[in-house]
Amino acid sequence: MPLFEFKCVDCGAFHEVLQRWNDDAPDCRRCDGLMVKQVSATNFKLNGSGWARDNYGLANKPTD
């Protein structure tokens, strides 16, 4: 299961919650307010001799 970050609309508290993708947003632990899912930074990076070097996907596209 993925780890999601939520922010409370009422008090601004942040919480990390381990849950399924389609589960409902939890209630805030601090004030029982509405929580909204946040977009988080990732550590995903493409590098090496494949995608980054040869522009994968662009080489086989037809040109006009």
Protein backbone atom coordinates (compact mmCIF):
# COMPACT_ATOMS: atom_id res chain seq x y z
CA MET A 1 0.00 0.00 0.00
CA PRO A 2 1.24 3.50 -0.80
CA LEU A 3 1.95 6.22 1.73
CA PHE A 4 -0.06 9.42 1.15
CA GLU A 5 0.31 12.89 2.60
CA PHE A 6 -2.82 14.76 3.66
CA LYS A 7 -3.36 18.34 4.82
CA CYS A 8 -6.24 19.44 7.03
CA VAL A 9 -8.39 22.19 5.52
CA ASP A 10 -9.39 23.51 8.95
CA CYS A 11 -6.21 23.52 11.08
CA GLY A 12 -3.47 23.02 8.43
CA ALA A 13 -1.99 19.89 10.06
CA PHE A 14 -0.12 17.40 7.86
CA HIS A 15 -0.45 13.63 8.27
CA GLU A 16 1.06 10.67 6.41
CA VAL A 17 -1.35 7.77 5.95
CA LEU A 18 -0.75 4.28 4.61
CA GLN A 19 -3.87 3.37 2.61
CA ARG A 20 -5.21 2.06 -0.68
CA TRP A 21 -5.39 4.40 -3.67
CA ASN A 22 -9.20 4.54 -3.71
CA ASP A 23 -9.81 4.79 0.07
CA ASP A 24 -11.59 7.88 1.38
CA ALA A 25 -9.54 10.66 2.93
CA PRO A 26 -9.13 10.27 6.70
CA ASP A 27 -10.36 12.76 9.29
CA CYS A 28 -7.75 15.01 10.88
CA ARG A 29 -6.27 13.52 14.05
CA ARG A 30 -5.95 16.97 15.63
CA CYS A 31 -9.37 18.57 14.95
CA ASP A 32 -11.50 15.96 13.08
CA GLY A 33 -11.52 18.32 10.05
CA LEU A 34 -11.54 17.50 6.35
CA MET A 35 -8.21 16.26 4.94
CA VAL A 36 -7.13 16.67 1.30
CA LYS A 37 -4.46 14.62 -0.50
CA GLN A 38 -1.22 16.47 -1.29
CA VAL A 39 1.19 16.05 -4.19
CA SER A 40 4.56 14.96 -2.85
CA ALA A 41 8.06 15.27 -4.25
CA THR A 42 9.58 12.00 -5.40
CA ASN A 43 13.11 10.68 -5.70
CA PHE A 44 12.47 9.05 -9.10
CA LYS A 45 15.14 9.83 -11.69
CA LEU A 46 15.78 8.45 -15.17
CA ASN A 47 19.47 8.10 -15.95
CA GLY A 48 21.84 5.72 -17.62
CA SER A 49 22.23 4.43 -21.14
CA GLY A 50 18.54 3.99 -22.00
CA TRP A 51 15.83 6.60 -21.56
CA ALA A 52 18.05 9.55 -20.78
CA ARG A 53 20.61 9.05 -23.51
CA ASP A 54 18.61 8.18 -26.66
CA ASN A 55 15.38 10.15 -26.03
CA TYR A 56 13.31 6.97 -25.92
CA GLY A 57 9.97 7.45 -27.64
CA LEU A 58 11.11 10.34 -29.83
CA ALA A 59 13.31 8.29 -32.18
CA ASN A 60 10.41 6.26 -33.63
CA LYS A 61 7.89 9.06 -34.07
CA PRO A 62 7.10 10.02 -37.66
CA THR A 63 8.10 13.55 -38.65
CA ASP A 64 5.85 15.83 -40.66
